[in-house]
Amino acid sequence: MRIKKYSIIGSVLLSTALLLGACADKDEVKDPPTADAAKKEFGFHSFDLDIDTPDHKDAIEASFDVDISETEAEYVNRIEPVKLSGDKAYAELEPIFKDLALTKDMSKDEVIEKVTKAFGVEDYTEFELEVEYSDGEYKDYNDKK
């Protein structure tokens, strides 16, 4: 009876350890910019993009979020096929974000033009972008063709 009890407890502990290990956030950036640095360099601290093209649903997906406890980044490009997360995604996105130089005062058309060009999308069927700018203001940019 004692052996069975310890066997069950051991199985539960092992299952818990495996479950917790599987829950690790693979999108987390290990050496992230501070929120202030991201705000200064990019003008925003949250960026969530989804672009569909005639040939690919979710052709481009890019997300970046800096907060107090962690920074996450993910980049998927189904046109080239690229699927990156964490540090590798951030390394790919950082130069794109620096070149974008988005501001909340830009028109919807200007933002869409800059973003599609930066991500190499000439023709899209659906464009969705949510940005939280440095001052905390959220803006959504959406378009369907």
N, C-alpha and C. Protein backbone atom coordinates (compact mmCIF):
# COMPACT_ATOMS: atom_id res chain seq x y z
N MET A 1 0.83 -1.19 0.00
CA MET A 1 0.00 0.00 0.00
C MET A 1 0.88 1.25 0.00
N ARG A 2 1.96 1.22 0.78
CA ARG A 2 2.86 2.36 0.85
C ARG A 2 3.55 2.63 -0.48
N ILE A 3 3.95 1.59 -1.15
CA ILE A 3 4.62 1.75 -2.43
C ILE A 3 3.67 2.38 -3.45
N LYS A 4 2.44 1.94 -3.45
CA LYS A 4 1.45 2.49 -4.38
C LYS A 4 1.22 3.98 -4.10
N LYS A 5 1.19 4.35 -2.81
CA LYS A 5 0.98 5.75 -2.41
C LYS A 5 2.13 6.62 -2.92
N TYR A 6 3.37 6.16 -2.72
CA TYR A 6 4.54 6.91 -3.18
C TYR A 6 4.62 6.96 -4.71
N SER A 7 4.18 5.89 -5.34
CA SER A 7 4.17 5.84 -6.79
C SER A 7 3.20 6.88 -7.37
N ILE A 8 2.05 7.00 -6.74
CA ILE A 8 1.06 7.98 -7.20
C ILE A 8 1.57 9.40 -6.95
N ILE A 9 2.12 9.66 -5.79
CA ILE A 9 2.67 10.98 -5.47
C ILE A 9 3.80 11.33 -6.43
N GLY A 10 4.67 10.39 -6.71
CA GLY A 10 5.77 10.61 -7.64
C GLY A 10 5.26 10.94 -9.03
N SER A 11 4.24 10.22 -9.46
CA SER A 11 3.66 10.48 -10.79
C SER A 11 3.04 11.87 -10.87
N VAL A 12 2.35 12.27 -9.80
CA VAL A 12 1.74 13.60 -9.76
C VAL A 12 2.82 14.67 -9.80
N LEU A 13 3.88 14.51 -9.02
CA LEU A 13 4.96 15.50 -9.01
C LEU A 13 5.66 15.58 -10.37
N LEU A 14 5.90 14.45 -10.99
CA LEU A 14 6.54 14.44 -12.30
C LEU A 14 5.64 15.10 -13.34
N SER A 15 4.37 14.79 -13.32
CA SER A 15 3.42 15.40 -14.26
C SER A 15 3.37 16.92 -14.07
N THR A 16 3.36 17.37 -12.82
CA THR A 16 3.33 18.80 -12.53
C THR A 16 4.58 19.49 -13.06
N ALA A 17 5.74 18.87 -12.84
CA ALA A 17 7.00 19.45 -13.32
C ALA A 17 7.00 19.54 -14.84
N LEU A 18 6.54 18.50 -15.51
CA LEU A 18 6.48 18.53 -16.97
C LEU A 18 5.51 19.59 -17.48
N LEU A 19 4.39 19.71 -16.83
CA LEU A 19 3.39 20.70 -17.22
C LEU A 19 3.92 22.11 -17.05
N LEU A 20 4.57 22.37 -15.94
CA LEU A 20 5.13 23.71 -15.71
C LEU A 20 6.24 24.02 -16.70
N GLY A 21 7.05 23.05 -17.02
CA GLY A 21 8.10 23.24 -18.00
C GLY A 21 7.55 23.54 -19.37
N ALA A 22 6.46 22.91 -19.72
CA ALA A 22 5.83 23.14 -21.02
C ALA A 22 5.18 24.51 -21.11
N CYS A 23 4.87 25.12 -19.98
CA CYS A 23 4.21 26.42 -19.97
C CYS A 23 5.18 27.58 -20.09
N ALA A 24 6.47 27.32 -20.20
CA ALA A 24 7.44 28.39 -20.33
C ALA A 24 7.11 29.21 -21.57
N ASP A 25 7.28 30.51 -21.49
CA ASP A 25 6.90 31.40 -22.57
C ASP A 25 8.01 31.49 -23.60
N LYS A 26 7.83 30.82 -24.73
CA LYS A 26 8.85 30.79 -25.77
C LYS A 26 8.96 32.10 -26.52
N ASP A 27 7.95 32.98 -26.39
CA ASP A 27 7.98 34.26 -27.08
C ASP A 27 8.75 35.33 -26.31
N GLU A 28 9.14 35.01 -25.08
CA GLU A 28 9.79 36.00 -24.23
C GLU A 28 11.19 36.33 -24.75
N VAL A 29 11.49 37.62 -24.78
CA VAL A 29 12.80 38.11 -25.19
C VAL A 29 13.70 38.12 -23.96
N LYS A 30 14.86 37.47 -24.06
CA LYS A 30 15.74 37.31 -22.90
C LYS A 30 16.47 38.60 -22.49
N ASP A 31 16.89 39.40 -23.47
CA ASP A 31 17.60 40.65 -23.18
C ASP A 31 16.84 41.80 -23.84
N PRO A 32 15.67 42.12 -23.29
CA PRO A 32 14.79 43.09 -23.96
C PRO A 32 15.22 44.53 -23.74
N PRO A 33 14.72 45.41 -24.61
CA PRO A 33 14.90 46.83 -24.35
C PRO A 33 13.99 47.21 -23.18
N THR A 34 14.34 48.24 -22.48
CA THR A 34 13.43 48.71 -21.44
C THR A 34 12.23 49.35 -22.13
N ALA A 35 11.16 49.51 -21.39
CA ALA A 35 9.96 50.15 -21.96
C ALA A 35 10.31 51.55 -22.45
N ASP A 36 11.11 52.28 -21.68
CA ASP A 36 11.50 53.63 -22.09
C ASP A 36 12.33 53.63 -23.37
N ALA A 37 13.26 52.66 -23.46
CA ALA A 37 14.09 52.58 -24.66
C ALA A 37 13.24 52.25 -25.89
N ALA A 38 12.29 51.32 -25.73
CA ALA A 38 11.40 50.96 -26.85
C ALA A 38 10.57 52.16 -27.27
N LYS A 39 10.06 52.90 -26.30
CA LYS A 39 9.26 54.08 -26.61
C LYS A 39 10.07 55.10 -27.39
N LYS A 40 11.33 55.31 -26.99
CA LYS A 40 12.18 56.29 -27.67
C LYS A 40 12.58 55.81 -29.06
N GLU A 41 12.98 54.52 -29.17
CA GLU A 41 13.45 54.00 -30.45
C GLU A 41 12.33 53.79 -31.46
N PHE A 42 11.21 53.22 -30.99
CA PHE A 42 10.14 52.84 -31.90
C PHE A 42 8.95 53.78 -31.88
N GLY A 43 8.74 54.49 -30.77
CA GLY A 43 7.56 55.35 -30.63
C GLY A 43 6.36 54.60 -30.07
N PHE A 44 6.51 53.32 -29.80
CA PHE A 44 5.43 52.51 -29.25
C PHE A 44 6.03 51.41 -28.38
N HIS A 45 5.16 50.79 -27.58
CA HIS A 45 5.64 49.65 -26.80
C HIS A 45 4.77 48.42 -26.97
N SER A 46 3.80 48.51 -27.88
CA SER A 46 2.99 47.35 -28.22
C SER A 46 2.60 47.44 -29.70
N PHE A 47 2.77 46.34 -30.41
CA PHE A 47 2.55 46.30 -31.85
C PHE A 47 2.00 44.93 -32.19
N ASP A 48 0.81 44.87 -32.79
CA ASP A 48 0.21 43.59 -33.13
C ASP A 48 -0.33 43.68 -34.56
N LEU A 49 0.30 42.94 -35.48
CA LEU A 49 0.02 43.05 -36.91
C LEU A 49 -0.44 41.72 -37.49
N ASP A 50 -1.42 41.79 -38.37
CA ASP A 50 -1.87 40.62 -39.12
C ASP A 50 -2.24 41.09 -40.53
N ILE A 51 -1.56 40.53 -41.53
CA ILE A 51 -1.83 40.89 -42.93
C ILE A 51 -2.15 39.62 -43.70
N ASP A 52 -3.28 39.66 -44.41
CA ASP A 52 -3.64 38.58 -45.32
C ASP A 52 -3.35 39.04 -46.74
N THR A 53 -2.88 38.12 -47.57
CA THR A 53 -2.66 38.42 -48.99
C THR A 53 -3.55 37.50 -49.82
N PRO A 54 -3.67 37.76 -51.12
CA PRO A 54 -4.50 36.87 -51.94
C PRO A 54 -4.04 35.41 -51.89
N ASP A 55 -2.75 35.20 -51.71
CA ASP A 55 -2.20 33.84 -51.71
C ASP A 55 -2.07 33.21 -50.33
N HIS A 56 -2.08 34.03 -49.27
CA HIS A 56 -1.81 33.52 -47.92
C HIS A 56 -2.70 34.20 -46.88
N LYS A 57 -3.48 33.40 -46.16
CA LYS A 57 -4.17 33.94 -44.99
C LYS A 57 -3.12 34.05 -43.89
N ASP A 58 -3.16 35.11 -43.12
CA ASP A 58 -2.14 35.36 -42.09
C ASP A 58 -0.74 35.31 -42.69
N ALA A 59 -0.56 35.96 -43.82
CA ALA A 59 0.73 35.97 -44.50
C ALA A 59 1.82 36.55 -43.61
N ILE A 60 1.48 37.62 -42.91
CA ILE A 60 2.42 38.27 -41.99
C ILE A 60 1.74 38.40 -40.64
N GLU A 61 2.39 37.92 -39.61
CA GLU A 61 1.95 38.12 -38.23
C GLU A 61 3.17 38.59 -37.45
N ALA A 62 3.03 39.71 -36.80
CA ALA A 62 4.12 40.24 -36.00
C ALA A 62 3.53 40.81 -34.72
N SER A 63 4.13 40.43 -33.61
CA SER A 63 3.68 41.01 -32.35
C SER A 63 4.89 41.32 -31.48
N PHE A 64 4.76 42.41 -30.77
CA PHE A 64 5.82 42.88 -29.88
C PHE A 64 5.14 43.59 -28.74
N ASP A 65 5.53 43.25 -27.53
CA ASP A 65 4.92 43.87 -26.37
C ASP A 65 5.95 43.99 -25.25
N VAL A 66 6.14 45.21 -24.79
CA VAL A 66 7.05 45.46 -23.67
C VAL A 66 6.20 45.86 -22.49
N ASP A 67 6.36 45.17 -21.37
CA ASP A 67 5.75 45.65 -20.14
C ASP A 67 6.76 45.52 -19.01
N ILE A 68 6.35 45.80 -17.82
CA ILE A 68 7.27 45.86 -16.68
C ILE A 68 7.98 44.54 -16.44
N SER A 69 7.26 43.43 -16.51
CA SER A 69 7.85 42.16 -16.13
C SER A 69 8.48 41.38 -17.27
N GLU A 70 8.04 41.61 -18.51
CA GLU A 70 8.61 40.84 -19.61
C GLU A 70 8.37 41.52 -20.95
N THR A 71 9.13 41.07 -21.93
CA THR A 71 8.98 41.53 -23.30
C THR A 71 8.77 40.30 -24.17
N GLU A 72 7.77 40.37 -25.05
CA GLU A 72 7.50 39.24 -25.93
C GLU A 72 7.55 39.69 -27.38
N ALA A 73 8.04 38.79 -28.23
CA ALA A 73 8.09 39.08 -29.66
C ALA A 73 7.81 37.80 -30.44
N GLU A 74 7.07 37.96 -31.52
CA GLU A 74 6.79 36.84 -32.41
C GLU A 74 6.69 37.38 -33.83
N TYR A 75 7.26 36.65 -34.79
CA TYR A 75 7.22 37.07 -36.18
C TYR A 75 7.01 35.85 -37.06
N VAL A 76 5.95 35.87 -37.85
CA VAL A 76 5.65 34.79 -38.79
C VAL A 76 5.46 35.43 -40.16
N ASN A 77 6.18 34.92 -41.15
CA ASN A 77 6.06 35.38 -42.52
C ASN A 77 5.84 34.13 -43.38
N ARG A 78 4.61 33.90 -43.79
CA ARG A 78 4.30 32.71 -44.58
C ARG A 78 4.66 32.87 -46.06
N ILE A 79 5.03 34.06 -46.46
CA ILE A 79 5.45 34.30 -47.84
C ILE A 79 6.87 33.76 -48.06
N GLU A 80 7.75 34.01 -47.08
CA GLU A 80 9.15 33.61 -47.20
C GLU A 80 9.49 32.30 -46.52
N PRO A 81 8.83 31.55 -46.00
CA PRO A 81 8.47 31.00 -44.72
C PRO A 81 9.48 31.23 -43.59
N VAL A 82 9.04 32.06 -42.67
CA VAL A 82 9.80 32.38 -41.47
C VAL A 82 8.86 32.29 -40.28
N LYS A 83 9.32 31.63 -39.23
CA LYS A 83 8.54 31.57 -38.00
C LYS A 83 9.53 31.72 -36.84
N LEU A 84 9.50 32.89 -36.20
CA LEU A 84 10.45 33.20 -35.14
C LEU A 84 9.72 33.65 -33.88
N SER A 85 10.34 33.41 -32.75
CA SER A 85 9.79 33.90 -31.49
C SER A 85 10.93 34.28 -30.56
N GLY A 86 10.59 35.07 -29.55
CA GLY A 86 11.58 35.48 -28.56
C GLY A 86 12.67 36.36 -29.15
N ASP A 87 13.93 36.05 -28.78
CA ASP A 87 15.07 36.86 -29.21
C ASP A 87 15.24 36.90 -30.73
N LYS A 88 15.01 35.77 -31.40
CA LYS A 88 15.18 35.73 -32.85
C LYS A 88 14.14 36.62 -33.54
N ALA A 89 12.92 36.60 -33.04
CA ALA A 89 11.87 37.46 -33.60
C ALA A 89 12.21 38.93 -33.36
N TYR A 90 12.67 39.24 -32.15
CA TYR A 90 13.02 40.62 -31.83
C TYR A 90 14.16 41.11 -32.73
N ALA A 91 15.16 40.26 -32.96
CA ALA A 91 16.29 40.64 -33.81
C ALA A 91 15.81 40.95 -35.24
N GLU A 92 14.81 40.24 -35.71
CA GLU A 92 14.25 40.48 -37.05
C GLU A 92 13.38 41.74 -37.07
N LEU A 93 12.63 41.97 -36.01
CA LEU A 93 11.67 43.08 -35.97
C LEU A 93 12.32 44.43 -35.61
N GLU A 94 13.35 44.41 -34.81
CA GLU A 94 13.95 45.66 -34.33
C GLU A 94 14.31 46.63 -35.46
N PRO A 95 15.05 46.21 -36.49
CA PRO A 95 15.37 47.18 -37.56
C PRO A 95 14.13 47.65 -38.33
N ILE A 96 13.15 46.78 -38.47
CA ILE A 96 11.90 47.17 -39.14
C ILE A 96 11.20 48.25 -38.34
N PHE A 97 11.11 48.04 -37.03
CA PHE A 97 10.44 49.03 -36.16
C PHE A 97 11.17 50.36 -36.15
N LYS A 98 12.50 50.33 -36.14
CA LYS A 98 13.27 51.58 -36.15
C LYS A 98 13.01 52.36 -37.44
N ASP A 99 12.95 51.66 -38.56
CA ASP A 99 12.72 52.33 -39.84
C ASP A 99 11.29 52.83 -40.00
N LEU A 100 10.34 52.16 -39.36
CA LEU A 100 8.93 52.56 -39.49
C LEU A 100 8.69 53.97 -39.00
N ALA A 101 9.21 54.29 -37.84
CA ALA A 101 9.03 55.62 -37.24
C ALA A 101 7.55 56.02 -37.23
N LEU A 102 6.69 55.13 -36.74
CA LEU A 102 5.26 55.43 -36.66
C LEU A 102 4.98 56.48 -35.60
N THR A 103 4.01 57.33 -35.88
CA THR A 103 3.52 58.27 -34.88
C THR A 103 2.00 58.21 -34.90
N LYS A 104 1.40 58.55 -33.79
CA LYS A 104 -0.06 58.50 -33.68
C LYS A 104 -0.74 59.56 -34.55
N ASP A 105 0.02 60.55 -35.01
CA ASP A 105 -0.54 61.61 -35.84
C ASP A 105 -0.61 61.25 -37.32
N MET A 106 -0.01 60.15 -37.71
CA MET A 106 -0.05 59.73 -39.11
C MET A 106 -1.46 59.28 -39.49
N SER A 107 -1.79 59.46 -40.75
CA SER A 107 -3.09 59.00 -41.24
C SER A 107 -3.08 57.48 -41.33
N LYS A 108 -4.28 56.91 -41.36
CA LYS A 108 -4.43 55.46 -41.51
C LYS A 108 -3.73 54.98 -42.78
N ASP A 109 -3.94 55.67 -43.88
CA ASP A 109 -3.33 55.28 -45.15
C ASP A 109 -1.81 55.33 -45.10
N GLU A 110 -1.28 56.34 -44.44
CA GLU A 110 0.17 56.47 -44.33
C GLU A 110 0.76 55.33 -43.50
N VAL A 111 0.10 54.99 -42.39
CA VAL A 111 0.57 53.89 -41.54
C VAL A 111 0.52 52.58 -42.32
N ILE A 112 -0.58 52.32 -43.00
CA ILE A 112 -0.72 51.07 -43.76
C ILE A 112 0.33 50.99 -44.85
N GLU A 113 0.56 52.09 -45.55
CA GLU A 113 1.57 52.10 -46.61
C GLU A 113 2.97 51.81 -46.05
N LYS A 114 3.32 52.46 -44.95
CA LYS A 114 4.65 52.27 -44.35
C LYS A 114 4.84 50.83 -43.86
N VAL A 115 3.81 50.30 -43.20
CA VAL A 115 3.92 48.95 -42.62
C VAL A 115 3.96 47.88 -43.71
N THR A 116 3.10 47.98 -44.71
CA THR A 116 3.11 46.97 -45.77
C THR A 116 4.44 47.00 -46.53
N LYS A 117 4.96 48.18 -46.76
CA LYS A 117 6.25 48.30 -47.44
C LYS A 117 7.37 47.71 -46.59
N ALA A 118 7.37 48.01 -45.29
CA ALA A 118 8.41 47.52 -44.39
C ALA A 118 8.41 46.00 -44.29
N PHE A 119 7.23 45.39 -44.38
CA PHE A 119 7.13 43.94 -44.28
C PHE A 119 7.09 43.26 -45.65
N GLY A 120 7.30 44.01 -46.72
CA GLY A 120 7.42 43.45 -48.06
C GLY A 120 6.14 42.90 -48.65
N VAL A 121 5.02 43.53 -48.30
CA VAL A 121 3.72 43.09 -48.84
C VAL A 121 3.23 44.13 -49.83
N GLU A 122 3.17 43.75 -51.09
CA GLU A 122 2.72 44.69 -52.11
C GLU A 122 1.20 44.71 -52.23
N ASP A 123 0.56 43.57 -52.07
CA ASP A 123 -0.88 43.47 -52.25
C ASP A 123 -1.45 42.71 -51.06
N TYR A 124 -2.45 43.28 -50.43
CA TYR A 124 -3.07 42.60 -49.29
C TYR A 124 -4.58 42.58 -49.47
N THR A 125 -5.22 41.60 -48.82
CA THR A 125 -6.68 41.53 -48.84
C THR A 125 -7.26 42.04 -47.52
N GLU A 126 -6.49 41.88 -46.44
CA GLU A 126 -6.92 42.38 -45.15
C GLU A 126 -5.70 42.81 -44.34
N PHE A 127 -5.83 43.96 -43.69
CA PHE A 127 -4.75 44.54 -42.89
C PHE A 127 -5.33 44.89 -41.53
N GLU A 128 -4.70 44.38 -40.47
CA GLU A 128 -5.10 44.70 -39.10
C GLU A 128 -3.86 45.01 -38.28
N LEU A 129 -3.84 46.16 -37.68
CA LEU A 129 -2.72 46.57 -36.84
C LEU A 129 -3.26 47.29 -35.61
N GLU A 130 -2.76 46.89 -34.46
CA GLU A 130 -3.07 47.58 -33.22
C GLU A 130 -1.74 48.02 -32.61
N VAL A 131 -1.65 49.30 -32.31
CA VAL A 131 -0.43 49.87 -31.75
C VAL A 131 -0.77 50.61 -30.47
N GLU A 132 0.05 50.40 -29.44
CA GLU A 132 -0.03 51.24 -28.25
C GLU A 132 1.18 52.15 -28.29
N TYR A 133 0.90 53.43 -28.50
CA TYR A 133 1.97 54.41 -28.62
C TYR A 133 2.58 54.73 -27.25
N SER A 134 3.68 55.44 -27.30
CA SER A 134 4.45 55.75 -26.10
C SER A 134 3.66 56.44 -25.00
N ASP A 135 2.66 57.23 -25.39
CA ASP A 135 1.88 57.94 -24.38
C ASP A 135 0.73 57.10 -23.83
N GLY A 136 0.62 55.83 -24.28
CA GLY A 136 -0.42 54.94 -23.79
C GLY A 136 -1.67 54.91 -24.66
N GLU A 137 -1.70 55.73 -25.71
CA GLU A 137 -2.87 55.75 -26.60
C GLU A 137 -2.83 54.55 -27.55
N TYR A 138 -3.97 53.85 -27.63
CA TYR A 138 -4.11 52.73 -28.56
C TYR A 138 -4.73 53.23 -29.85
N LYS A 139 -4.23 52.69 -30.96
CA LYS A 139 -4.85 52.99 -32.26
C LYS A 139 -4.94 51.70 -33.06
N ASP A 140 -6.08 51.53 -33.71
CA ASP A 140 -6.31 50.41 -34.60
C ASP A 140 -6.32 50.91 -36.03
N TYR A 141 -5.66 50.15 -36.90
CA TYR A 141 -5.64 50.47 -38.32
C TYR A 141 -6.13 49.21 -39.05
N ASN A 142 -7.27 49.31 -39.71
CA ASN A 142 -7.86 48.16 -40.38
C ASN A 142 -8.25 48.54 -41.80
N ASP A 143 -8.07 47.59 -42.72
CA ASP A 143 -8.46 47.81 -44.10
C ASP A 143 -8.70 46.46 -44.77
N LYS A 144 -9.73 46.42 -45.63
CA LYS A 144 -10.03 45.22 -46.43
C LYS A 144 -10.12 45.65 -47.87
N LYS A 145 -9.61 44.82 -48.76
CA LYS A 145 -9.72 45.10 -50.19
C LYS A 145 -10.54 44.04 -50.86
